[in-house]
Amino acid sequence: MITLSAEEKRAMCSALAAELPKIRELLGATQEGFGELCGLSRITISRIENGSAKMNWSHLTSVMFVVACNRRTKEYFYANNLLGVRFLQFMQQKDANIPPETNITVDMETLKAYADKK
């Protein structure tokens, strides 16, 4: 299974921080609105965007949750290979020689099976 070094995580945080204005644009969100989606303050979003604060791994995972839940931002993420293959392999707990899944969907049969268990 892939593991990421602290340096790789810092580089990924820096790369994603540079994309925050574009991600917000795709969502049509203000810094305050985007912060609310991510569980971060407007001040934190502003400071990351203007470079006065660094994004940390916790911020990255919060932002990526929002990205993954929105079609436009998810497409932008994949189309621009924002954090690279290793990020996806790490998050999907893949070995280095196993390519990550890029089209993760849930079919109706699976949803029905979960609903039936309730």
Protein backbone atom coordinates (compact mmCIF):
# COMPACT_ATOMS: atom_id res chain seq x y z
CA MET A 1 0.00 0.00 0.00
CA ILE A 2 1.19 3.50 -0.87
CA THR A 3 2.40 5.70 1.93
CA LEU A 4 3.07 9.40 1.53
CA SER A 5 6.01 11.14 3.11
CA ALA A 6 5.56 14.36 5.05
CA GLU A 7 7.25 16.18 2.17
CA GLU A 8 4.82 14.68 -0.37
CA LYS A 9 1.89 15.74 1.78
CA ARG A 10 3.29 19.28 2.11
CA ALA A 11 3.74 19.48 -1.67
CA MET A 12 0.18 18.27 -2.23
CA CYS A 13 -1.13 20.83 0.25
CA SER A 14 0.74 23.59 -1.54
CA ALA A 15 -0.52 22.44 -4.95
CA LEU A 16 -4.14 22.30 -3.79
CA ALA A 17 -3.88 25.67 -2.03
CA ALA A 18 -2.97 27.24 -5.38
CA GLU A 19 -6.19 25.81 -6.85
CA LEU A 20 -8.58 27.10 -4.18
CA PRO A 21 -9.69 30.21 -6.12
CA LYS A 22 -10.52 28.08 -9.18
CA ILE A 23 -12.33 25.47 -7.06
CA ARG A 24 -14.36 28.22 -5.40
CA GLU A 25 -15.13 29.71 -8.82
CA LEU A 26 -16.41 26.35 -10.08
CA LEU A 27 -18.65 26.12 -7.02
CA GLY A 28 -19.77 29.75 -7.30
CA ALA A 29 -18.76 30.14 -3.65
CA THR A 30 -17.35 33.03 -1.70
CA GLN A 31 -14.53 32.40 0.74
CA GLU A 32 -17.10 32.36 3.51
CA GLY A 33 -19.40 29.94 1.68
CA PHE A 34 -16.54 27.67 0.72
CA GLY A 35 -15.22 27.73 4.26
CA GLU A 36 -18.64 26.68 5.52
CA LEU A 37 -18.65 23.72 3.12
CA CYS A 38 -15.17 22.67 4.25
CA GLY A 39 -15.60 23.37 7.94
CA LEU A 40 -13.01 26.15 7.80
CA SER A 41 -13.32 29.84 8.55
CA ARG A 42 -13.36 32.52 5.87
CA ILE A 43 -10.18 33.87 7.43
CA THR A 44 -8.45 30.50 7.05
CA ILE A 45 -9.52 30.24 3.39
CA SER A 46 -8.36 33.81 2.74
CA ARG A 47 -5.00 33.28 4.44
CA ILE A 48 -4.37 30.06 2.50
CA GLU A 49 -5.31 31.72 -0.79
CA ASN A 50 -3.11 34.78 -0.22
CA GLY A 51 -0.18 32.72 1.04
CA SER A 52 -0.06 34.05 4.59
CA ALA A 53 -0.94 30.57 5.91
CA LYS A 54 -0.10 27.12 4.65
CA MET A 55 -2.70 24.48 3.98
CA ASN A 56 -2.23 21.44 6.20
CA TRP A 57 -3.27 17.83 5.59
CA SER A 58 -6.49 18.26 7.57
CA HIS A 59 -7.44 21.27 5.43
CA LEU A 60 -6.62 19.27 2.28
CA THR A 61 -8.86 16.37 3.24
CA SER A 62 -11.71 18.76 4.09
CA VAL A 63 -11.37 20.51 0.73
CA MET A 64 -11.10 17.20 -1.12
CA PHE A 65 -14.34 15.99 0.47
CA VAL A 66 -16.11 19.01 -1.03
CA VAL A 67 -14.33 18.53 -4.37
CA ALA A 68 -15.35 14.86 -4.51
CA CYS A 69 -19.01 15.68 -3.78
CA ASN A 70 -19.41 18.16 -6.63
CA ARG A 71 -19.35 17.07 -10.27
CA ARG A 72 -17.67 20.20 -11.70
CA THR A 73 -14.89 20.28 -9.14
CA LYS A 74 -14.39 16.51 -9.35
CA GLU A 75 -14.07 16.73 -13.14
CA TYR A 76 -11.61 19.64 -12.75
CA PHE A 77 -9.59 17.62 -10.23
CA TYR A 78 -9.28 14.60 -12.53
CA ALA A 79 -8.88 16.54 -15.79
CA ASN A 80 -5.96 18.49 -14.35
CA ASN A 81 -4.44 15.61 -12.35
CA LEU A 82 -4.22 18.03 -9.44
CA LEU A 83 -2.56 15.90 -6.80
CA GLY A 84 -1.18 13.11 -8.94
CA VAL A 85 -1.66 9.38 -9.06
CA ARG A 86 0.06 8.75 -5.72
CA PHE A 87 -2.58 10.80 -3.89
CA LEU A 88 -5.35 8.67 -5.35
CA GLN A 89 -3.46 5.45 -4.69
CA PHE A 90 -2.92 6.52 -1.09
CA MET A 91 -6.55 7.52 -0.53
CA GLN A 92 -7.79 4.32 -2.18
CA GLN A 93 -5.23 2.20 -0.31
CA LYS A 94 -3.69 0.82 -3.49
CA ASP A 95 -0.26 -0.61 -4.12
CA ALA A 96 2.06 1.43 -6.33
CA ASN A 97 1.59 -0.97 -9.23
CA ILE A 98 -2.23 -0.78 -9.10
CA PRO A 99 -3.74 2.20 -10.91
CA PRO A 100 -6.28 4.23 -8.95
CA GLU A 101 -9.96 4.19 -9.77
CA THR A 102 -11.06 7.42 -11.38
CA ASN A 103 -14.73 6.76 -12.02
CA ILE A 104 -16.17 5.75 -8.70
CA THR A 105 -19.93 5.46 -8.82
CA VAL A 106 -22.54 3.64 -6.83
CA ASP A 107 -25.04 1.63 -8.83
CA MET A 108 -28.73 1.45 -7.99
CA GLU A 109 -28.53 -2.23 -6.98
CA THR A 110 -25.97 -1.37 -4.31
CA LEU A 111 -28.10 1.49 -3.01
CA LYS A 112 -31.15 -0.79 -2.89
CA ALA A 113 -29.21 -3.48 -1.03
CA TYR A 114 -28.19 -0.97 1.67
CA ALA A 115 -31.74 0.40 1.89
CA ASP A 116 -33.14 -3.13 2.23
CA LYS A 117 -30.84 -3.81 5.20
CA LYS A 118 -32.37 -0.94 7.19
